[in-house]
Amino acid sequence: MPRRFHAASYLILLGISFFALGLSIPAMSLIVVSKQYSLAHLSLAMVIYSVVVMLFEVPSGMFADTHGRKRCFALGLLFSSIGTALFFASSFPLLCLGFGFSGLGRAFGSGSLDALYLEAGRDAGKKLGDLVLAMEVNSSLCLSIGSLAGGFLLSLGTSGPGLTFYVVGARLVLLLLNLLLLPFLIAEPARCERPETSGMGQTARLLKILGSHPFLVAYILSVLLQGLLLASLESYWQPFLRDLFDSDSQLWILGLIAASIFAVSVLGSFAGKHLMHKMNPKHLYLFASLMVFSLLALLSFSATIRSFLVWYVLIYLVLGIMSVVGLFLLNEEADDSVRSSLSSLSSFSLQGGGLLANLAASLLFLVGDISMFWKVVAALGIAGILLLAKPLLQRSPRS
């Protein structure tokens, strides 16, 4: 008999987390730059964030699979709260520590509560495609509204080190609120609270499943390429546009742009679910992957703000399609025993792409500009997806 399932409880908590993340999106680079540090300092801070996420992403997923997803999510909120509090500092080492704790929070928070939500919904008789769509729409809307609010709060900040204080304060309040609500809204099944295997045993189980599912390996590698693309965009569009503004009073435009792209990704999510009924989801994922890097190449040739915004928004429309289709494929093939581990491995790969992007940017900016950087990333992405095409389309064994 299906268990009672209250989707709203999960979506509220996930929504608050994504709203808090959305708040910081227009301000993330400004947390460093507004304190009179250079783009090189920003790249270093982002590298620290990516390295910490990569180091703890897979272990945190295994922790969630063996010790409980709810507990793992709570640790993520705690670490993120500490990291956010450190963003009030003006000292660059303390800011780096803040990025480190934020990375730790990202590692423990990703793939935990969402995995519990998908399993509980499936056990209650809900369709996986509907669950994934609801989660994607919820996250995109909350990111969009949060980004809009973050841009507004930025416009209220004072020039200089205090520019991001309202954003950071609001984010901290939301993270602590989620930490307080978690025990009341989510009751994890007892079977998930007890460790069933050791860390080594869980690693062996994960490797066995990956070895028998070529698609999963190819998908994880394609996520690395997505991370390369996302980091190349998200780390550098804010300083570029800020230079075009007359004054900091126009910083709300950053929030409007961030809100717009996440709102567009909601349309992409609905389009992705609709298109999965029209064509093979694996074919759709491959086509969208090639398209998104082609759009990045077009973006690199933009000569006006208008053309930049057109290509930028289209990229996020396609990313919305990729996200819902990719999550569907990953969870369709994932075994319950490694669901969080696979999700964390995917997030690890995403952060790995981000780390590669920031390292590459540090080198390429010595000889070129952002336009050249995006051309290089687009070429690497298209080549990589073409190399992964065969395993991405390969059928997986049925257990």
Protein backbone atom coordinates (compact mmCIF):
# COMPACT_ATOMS: atom_id res chain seq x y z
CA MET A 1 0.00 0.00 0.00
CA PRO A 2 1.47 3.40 -0.98
CA ARG A 3 2.69 5.59 1.87
CA ARG A 4 1.23 9.04 2.46
CA PHE A 5 3.34 11.55 0.63
CA HIS A 6 3.26 15.30 1.23
CA ALA A 7 5.13 16.80 -1.71
CA ALA A 8 4.63 20.33 -0.38
CA SER A 9 6.84 19.65 2.66
CA TYR A 10 9.78 18.70 0.45
CA LEU A 11 9.18 21.43 -2.11
CA ILE A 12 8.93 24.14 0.58
CA LEU A 13 12.33 23.22 2.02
CA LEU A 14 13.93 22.82 -1.40
CA GLY A 15 12.29 26.07 -2.52
CA ILE A 16 13.70 28.05 0.41
CA SER A 17 17.16 26.64 -0.32
CA PHE A 18 16.94 27.61 -3.97
CA PHE A 19 15.55 31.04 -3.09
CA ALA A 20 18.54 31.58 -0.79
CA LEU A 21 20.86 30.48 -3.60
CA GLY A 22 19.06 32.79 -6.04
CA LEU A 23 19.62 35.75 -3.72
CA SER A 24 23.38 35.27 -3.96
CA ILE A 25 23.58 34.77 -7.75
CA PRO A 26 23.60 38.48 -8.72
CA ALA A 27 26.04 39.19 -5.89
CA MET A 28 28.42 36.21 -5.82
CA SER A 29 31.28 37.84 -7.71
CA LEU A 30 30.57 41.21 -6.08
CA ILE A 31 31.11 39.69 -2.61
CA VAL A 32 34.80 39.70 -3.55
CA VAL A 33 35.06 42.49 -6.14
CA SER A 34 33.15 45.08 -4.07
CA LYS A 35 35.80 44.76 -1.37
CA GLN A 36 38.39 46.06 -3.86
CA TYR A 37 39.81 42.66 -4.79
CA SER A 38 40.67 41.81 -8.40
CA LEU A 39 39.23 39.25 -10.82
CA ALA A 40 42.27 37.09 -10.02
CA HIS A 41 41.16 37.06 -6.36
CA LEU A 42 37.64 36.15 -7.51
CA SER A 43 38.97 33.25 -9.59
CA LEU A 44 40.95 31.98 -6.59
CA ALA A 45 37.89 32.14 -4.33
CA MET A 46 35.82 30.26 -6.91
CA VAL A 47 38.55 27.64 -7.29
CA ILE A 48 38.52 27.10 -3.52
CA TYR A 49 34.74 26.68 -3.63
CA SER A 50 34.94 24.17 -6.49
CA VAL A 51 37.79 22.17 -4.92
CA VAL A 52 35.93 21.81 -1.60
CA VAL A 53 32.76 20.70 -3.37
CA MET A 54 34.72 18.16 -5.39
CA LEU A 55 36.52 16.77 -2.36
CA PHE A 56 33.32 16.22 -0.36
CA GLU A 57 30.65 15.70 -3.03
CA VAL A 58 30.88 11.93 -3.46
CA PRO A 59 31.65 11.15 0.24
CA SER A 60 28.65 13.27 1.25
CA GLY A 61 26.44 11.35 -1.19
CA MET A 62 27.58 8.06 0.29
CA PHE A 63 26.94 9.49 3.76
CA ALA A 64 23.39 10.32 2.65
CA ASP A 65 22.83 6.81 1.26
CA THR A 66 24.11 5.09 4.40
CA HIS A 67 23.33 7.48 7.27
CA GLY A 68 20.23 9.32 6.08
CA ARG A 69 19.38 12.00 3.50
CA LYS A 70 17.65 14.25 6.04
CA ARG A 71 20.72 14.31 8.28
CA CYS A 72 22.97 15.05 5.31
CA PHE A 73 20.73 17.94 4.20
CA ALA A 74 20.83 19.41 7.73
CA LEU A 75 24.64 19.35 7.72
CA GLY A 76 24.58 21.11 4.35
CA LEU A 77 22.41 23.90 5.76
CA LEU A 78 24.70 24.28 8.78
CA PHE A 79 27.88 24.52 6.71
CA SER A 80 26.24 26.95 4.26
CA SER A 81 25.14 29.16 7.16
CA ILE A 82 28.70 29.35 8.50
CA GLY A 83 30.05 30.16 5.04
CA THR A 84 27.44 32.85 4.47
CA ALA A 85 28.20 34.52 7.81
CA LEU A 86 31.87 34.75 6.78
CA PHE A 87 30.88 36.75 3.67
CA PHE A 88 30.42 39.78 5.92
CA ALA A 89 34.21 39.86 6.40
CA SER A 90 36.51 42.20 4.49
CA SER A 91 39.60 40.01 4.97
CA PHE A 92 40.31 37.95 1.84
CA PRO A 93 41.41 34.84 3.82
CA LEU A 94 38.09 34.94 5.71
CA LEU A 95 36.21 35.35 2.45
CA CYS A 96 38.03 32.30 1.08
CA LEU A 97 37.06 30.40 4.23
CA GLY A 98 33.47 31.47 3.58
CA PHE A 99 33.65 30.11 0.03
CA GLY A 100 35.11 26.90 1.45
CA PHE A 101 32.28 26.40 3.96
CA SER A 102 29.76 27.28 1.26
CA GLY A 103 31.29 24.58 -0.92
CA LEU A 104 30.99 22.13 1.97
CA GLY A 105 27.34 23.11 2.35
CA ARG A 106 26.76 22.60 -1.35
CA ALA A 107 28.35 19.14 -1.21
CA PHE A 108 26.19 17.90 1.69
CA GLY A 109 23.04 19.64 0.51
CA SER A 110 23.01 18.43 -3.09
CA GLY A 111 21.47 15.07 -3.90
CA SER A 112 20.12 14.49 -0.39
CA LEU A 113 16.64 15.91 0.18
CA ASP A 114 15.81 15.76 -3.53
CA ALA A 115 16.70 12.03 -3.59
CA LEU A 116 14.47 11.45 -0.55
CA TYR A 117 11.66 13.38 -2.26
CA LEU A 118 11.91 11.29 -5.45
CA GLU A 119 11.99 7.99 -3.56
CA ALA A 120 9.09 8.92 -1.25
CA GLY A 121 7.03 10.11 -4.20
CA ARG A 122 7.75 7.00 -6.23
CA ASP A 123 6.87 4.75 -3.26
CA ALA A 124 3.58 6.66 -2.98
CA GLY A 125 2.76 5.76 -6.57
CA LYS A 126 3.69 9.04 -8.28
CA LYS A 127 5.23 9.11 -11.76
CA LEU A 128 8.95 9.88 -11.89
CA GLY A 129 8.51 12.35 -14.77
CA ASP A 130 5.92 14.34 -12.81
CA LEU A 131 8.09 14.38 -9.67
CA VAL A 132 11.14 15.58 -11.60
CA LEU A 133 9.13 18.29 -13.39
CA ALA A 134 7.65 19.59 -10.11
CA MET A 135 11.11 19.73 -8.55
CA GLU A 136 12.64 21.48 -11.58
CA VAL A 137 9.86 24.05 -11.86
CA ASN A 138 10.01 24.71 -8.11
CA SER A 139 13.79 25.20 -8.18
CA SER A 140 13.74 27.41 -11.28
CA LEU A 141 10.95 29.63 -9.99
CA CYS A 142 12.59 30.05 -6.59
CA LEU A 143 15.95 30.77 -8.20
CA SER A 144 14.29 33.31 -10.48
CA ILE A 145 12.39 35.13 -7.71
CA GLY A 146 15.42 34.92 -5.42
CA SER A 147 17.67 36.43 -8.09
CA LEU A 148 15.22 39.28 -8.63
CA ALA A 149 15.12 39.92 -4.88
CA GLY A 150 18.92 39.70 -4.74
CA GLY A 151 19.25 42.37 -7.42
CA PHE A 152 16.85 44.63 -5.51
CA LEU A 153 18.79 44.15 -2.26
CA LEU A 154 22.01 44.95 -4.11
CA SER A 155 20.57 48.29 -5.18
CA LEU A 156 19.95 49.10 -1.50
CA GLY A 157 23.55 48.41 -0.50
CA THR A 158 26.14 51.11 -0.03
CA SER A 159 29.07 51.37 -2.43
CA GLY A 160 32.19 49.58 -1.29
CA PRO A 161 32.56 46.64 1.14
CA GLY A 162 28.93 46.96 2.34
CA LEU A 163 27.44 46.53 -1.13
CA THR A 164 26.37 42.90 -0.58
CA PHE A 165 25.49 43.01 3.14
CA TYR A 166 21.70 43.01 2.61
CA VAL A 167 21.96 40.04 0.26
CA VAL A 168 24.24 38.08 2.58
CA GLY A 169 22.04 38.83 5.61
CA ALA A 170 18.86 37.71 3.86
CA ARG A 171 20.53 34.50 2.67
CA LEU A 172 21.71 33.70 6.19
CA VAL A 173 18.21 34.17 7.62
CA LEU A 174 16.70 31.81 5.01
CA LEU A 175 19.29 29.09 5.63
CA LEU A 176 18.68 29.20 9.38
CA LEU A 177 14.90 29.15 8.78
CA ASN A 178 15.26 25.98 6.71
CA LEU A 179 17.36 24.39 9.43
CA LEU A 180 14.58 25.12 11.95
CA LEU A 181 11.77 23.84 9.68
CA LEU A 182 13.47 20.60 8.62
CA PRO A 183 12.63 18.51 11.74
CA PHE A 184 8.95 19.48 11.55
CA LEU A 185 8.35 18.99 7.83
CA ILE A 186 10.31 15.84 6.96
CA ALA A 187 10.24 12.43 8.61
CA GLU A 188 12.73 10.12 6.94
CA PRO A 189 11.85 6.39 6.86
CA ALA A 190 13.74 4.44 9.50
CA ARG A 191 15.28 2.17 6.88
CA CYS A 192 17.24 5.17 5.53
CA GLU A 193 18.43 6.27 8.95
CA ARG A 194 20.57 3.19 9.60
CA PRO A 195 23.80 2.51 7.76
CA GLU A 196 23.51 -0.70 5.76
CA THR A 197 27.02 -0.91 4.45
CA SER A 198 30.49 0.49 4.97
CA GLY A 199 32.03 3.31 2.97
CA MET A 200 34.16 0.81 1.04
CA GLY A 201 31.13 -1.36 0.38
CA GLN A 202 29.15 1.60 -0.89
CA THR A 203 32.05 2.59 -3.18
CA ALA A 204 32.20 -0.95 -4.58
CA ARG A 205 28.44 -0.93 -5.16
CA LEU A 206 28.61 2.40 -6.97
CA LEU A 207 31.50 1.28 -9.19
CA LYS A 208 29.69 -1.96 -10.06
CA ILE A 209 26.60 -0.08 -11.21
CA LEU A 210 28.68 2.39 -13.22
CA GLY A 211 30.57 -0.47 -14.85
CA SER A 212 27.34 -2.04 -16.08
CA HIS A 213 25.72 1.22 -17.24
CA PRO A 214 27.77 2.97 -19.97
CA PHE A 215 25.09 5.65 -20.22
CA LEU A 216 25.61 6.69 -16.59
CA VAL A 217 29.36 7.12 -17.14
CA ALA A 218 28.77 9.15 -20.32
CA TYR A 219 26.10 11.22 -18.58
CA ILE A 220 28.46 12.06 -15.69
CA LEU A 221 31.12 13.17 -18.20
CA SER A 222 28.59 15.28 -20.09
CA VAL A 223 27.73 16.99 -16.80
CA LEU A 224 31.41 17.92 -16.45
CA LEU A 225 31.14 19.69 -19.81
CA GLN A 226 27.98 21.45 -18.57
CA GLY A 227 29.94 22.61 -15.53
CA LEU A 228 32.60 24.02 -17.82
CA LEU A 229 29.93 25.97 -19.71
CA LEU A 230 28.03 27.20 -16.65
CA ALA A 231 31.14 28.41 -14.85
CA SER A 232 32.37 30.19 -17.97
CA LEU A 233 29.09 32.11 -18.01
CA GLU A 234 28.19 32.58 -14.37
CA SER A 235 31.59 33.65 -13.08
CA TYR A 236 32.14 36.46 -15.60
CA TRP A 237 28.88 37.95 -16.91
CA GLN A 238 28.34 40.18 -13.86
CA PRO A 239 31.61 42.18 -14.03
CA PHE A 240 31.16 42.51 -17.80
CA LEU A 241 27.69 44.06 -17.52
CA ARG A 242 28.54 46.14 -14.46
CA ASP A 243 31.14 48.01 -16.52
CA LEU A 244 28.31 49.11 -18.86
CA PHE A 245 26.24 50.67 -16.06
CA ASP A 246 26.31 54.38 -15.26
CA SER A 247 26.22 53.76 -11.49
CA ASP A 248 25.63 51.06 -8.86
CA SER A 249 22.00 52.19 -8.65
CA GLN A 250 21.48 50.10 -11.81
CA LEU A 251 22.67 46.88 -10.18
CA TRP A 252 19.04 45.72 -9.93
CA ILE A 253 19.38 44.93 -13.64
CA LEU A 254 21.71 42.05 -12.71
CA GLY A 255 18.91 40.57 -10.63
CA LEU A 256 16.41 41.09 -13.44
CA ILE A 257 18.65 39.25 -15.90
CA ALA A 258 19.30 36.41 -13.46
CA ALA A 259 15.58 36.16 -12.71
CA SER A 260 14.77 36.13 -16.43
CA ILE A 261 17.07 33.25 -17.26
CA PHE A 262 15.71 31.08 -14.46
CA ALA A 263 12.15 31.94 -15.47
CA VAL A 264 13.03 30.90 -19.01
CA SER A 265 14.46 27.63 -17.67
CA VAL A 266 10.98 26.86 -16.29
CA LEU A 267 9.69 27.01 -19.87
CA GLY A 268 12.58 24.72 -20.80
CA SER A 269 11.51 22.24 -18.11
CA PHE A 270 7.96 22.06 -19.45
CA ALA A 271 9.29 21.84 -23.00
CA GLY A 272 11.63 19.02 -21.98
CA LYS A 273 8.83 16.98 -20.39
CA HIS A 274 6.63 17.53 -23.47
CA LEU A 275 9.41 16.64 -25.89
CA MET A 276 10.20 13.41 -24.00
CA HIS A 277 6.78 12.16 -25.14
CA LYS A 278 7.67 13.00 -28.75
CA MET A 279 11.17 11.58 -29.02
CA ASN A 280 13.65 9.30 -27.28
CA PRO A 281 14.88 11.11 -24.11
CA LYS A 282 18.48 10.09 -24.82
CA HIS A 283 18.31 11.53 -28.35
CA LEU A 284 16.78 14.70 -26.92
CA TYR A 285 19.53 15.02 -24.30
CA LEU A 286 22.28 14.61 -26.92
CA PHE A 287 20.69 17.15 -29.29
CA ALA A 288 20.20 19.72 -26.50
CA SER A 289 23.80 19.25 -25.35
CA LEU A 290 25.13 20.06 -28.81
CA MET A 291 22.77 23.00 -29.16
CA VAL A 292 23.76 24.66 -25.88
CA PHE A 293 27.45 24.77 -26.81
CA SER A 294 26.58 26.05 -30.28
CA LEU A 295 24.65 28.89 -28.62
CA LEU A 296 27.70 29.65 -26.46
CA ALA A 297 29.74 29.99 -29.65
CA LEU A 298 27.18 32.46 -31.01
CA LEU A 299 27.24 34.34 -27.70
CA SER A 300 30.99 34.82 -28.02
CA PHE A 301 30.44 36.80 -31.25
CA SER A 302 27.90 39.18 -29.66
CA ALA A 303 28.68 42.82 -30.44
CA THR A 304 25.72 44.44 -28.63
CA ILE A 305 23.98 44.01 -25.29
CA ARG A 306 20.76 43.06 -27.11
CA SER A 307 22.37 40.20 -29.03
CA PHE A 308 24.17 39.11 -25.86
CA LEU A 309 20.88 38.86 -23.96
CA VAL A 310 19.16 36.93 -26.78
CA TRP A 311 21.82 34.20 -26.89
CA TYR A 312 22.19 34.21 -23.09
CA VAL A 313 18.48 33.60 -22.53
CA LEU A 314 18.34 30.91 -25.22
CA ILE A 315 21.20 29.08 -23.53
CA TYR A 316 19.18 28.84 -20.33
CA LEU A 317 16.07 27.75 -22.21
CA VAL A 318 18.01 24.78 -23.59
CA LEU A 319 19.62 24.14 -20.20
CA GLY A 320 16.10 23.87 -18.76
CA ILE A 321 15.33 21.14 -21.28
CA MET A 322 18.60 19.37 -20.53
CA SER A 323 18.06 19.53 -16.79
CA VAL A 324 14.64 17.87 -16.68
CA VAL A 325 15.59 15.26 -19.29
CA GLY A 326 18.94 14.52 -17.66
CA LEU A 327 17.41 14.17 -14.17
CA PHE A 328 14.75 11.85 -15.55
CA LEU A 329 17.34 9.65 -17.26
CA LEU A 330 19.64 9.59 -14.23
CA ASN A 331 16.90 8.65 -11.75
CA GLU A 332 15.32 6.18 -14.16
CA GLU A 333 18.56 4.21 -14.27
CA ALA A 334 19.71 4.78 -10.67
CA ASP A 335 19.30 2.07 -8.07
CA ASP A 336 17.88 3.23 -4.70
CA SER A 337 21.02 2.05 -2.90
CA VAL A 338 23.21 4.53 -4.81
CA ARG A 339 20.72 7.26 -5.76
CA SER A 340 22.32 9.96 -3.60
CA SER A 341 25.81 8.73 -4.48
CA LEU A 342 25.07 9.06 -8.20
CA SER A 343 23.50 12.47 -7.70
CA SER A 344 26.56 13.59 -5.74
CA LEU A 345 28.87 12.14 -8.38
CA SER A 346 26.98 14.17 -10.97
CA SER A 347 27.36 17.31 -8.85
CA PHE A 348 31.06 16.46 -8.35
CA SER A 349 31.43 16.34 -12.12
CA LEU A 350 29.60 19.66 -12.48
CA GLN A 351 31.97 21.30 -10.00
CA GLY A 352 34.92 19.67 -11.74
CA GLY A 353 33.88 21.42 -14.92
CA GLY A 354 33.61 24.66 -12.96
CA LEU A 355 37.10 24.20 -11.57
CA LEU A 356 38.50 23.55 -15.05
CA ALA A 357 36.73 26.66 -16.34
CA ASN A 358 38.20 28.93 -13.67
CA LEU A 359 41.69 27.47 -14.09
CA ALA A 360 41.45 27.85 -17.87
CA ALA A 361 40.17 31.41 -17.48
CA SER A 362 43.13 32.34 -15.30
CA LEU A 363 45.45 31.29 -18.13
CA LEU A 364 43.45 32.46 -21.14
CA PHE A 365 42.87 35.93 -19.71
CA LEU A 366 46.63 36.45 -19.90
CA VAL A 367 46.45 36.36 -23.70
CA GLY A 368 42.80 37.02 -24.56
CA ASP A 369 39.40 38.17 -23.35
CA ILE A 370 36.08 36.62 -22.31
CA SER A 371 34.98 36.28 -25.95
CA MET A 372 37.97 34.08 -26.76
CA PHE A 373 37.42 32.09 -23.57
CA TRP A 374 33.82 31.31 -24.57
CA LYS A 375 34.93 30.24 -28.06
CA VAL A 376 37.40 27.77 -26.54
CA VAL A 377 34.78 26.37 -24.14
CA ALA A 378 32.25 26.00 -26.98
CA ALA A 379 34.74 24.10 -29.13
CA LEU A 380 35.70 21.78 -26.26
CA GLY A 381 32.05 21.18 -25.41
CA ILE A 382 30.96 20.28 -28.93
CA ALA A 383 33.96 17.96 -29.40
CA GLY A 384 33.34 16.31 -26.03
CA ILE A 385 29.64 15.68 -26.63
CA LEU A 386 30.38 14.17 -30.06
CA LEU A 387 32.87 11.80 -28.44
CA LEU A 388 30.24 10.78 -25.85
CA ALA A 389 27.43 10.37 -28.41
CA LYS A 390 27.66 6.58 -28.73
CA PRO A 391 27.53 5.70 -24.99
CA LEU A 392 24.90 8.41 -24.39
CA LEU A 393 22.63 6.60 -26.85
CA GLN A 394 23.50 3.08 -25.65
CA ARG A 395 20.80 0.97 -24.05
CA SER A 396 21.36 0.08 -20.39
CA PRO A 397 20.89 -3.44 -18.99
CA ARG A 398 17.69 -4.21 -17.14
CA SER A 399 18.12 -5.72 -13.69
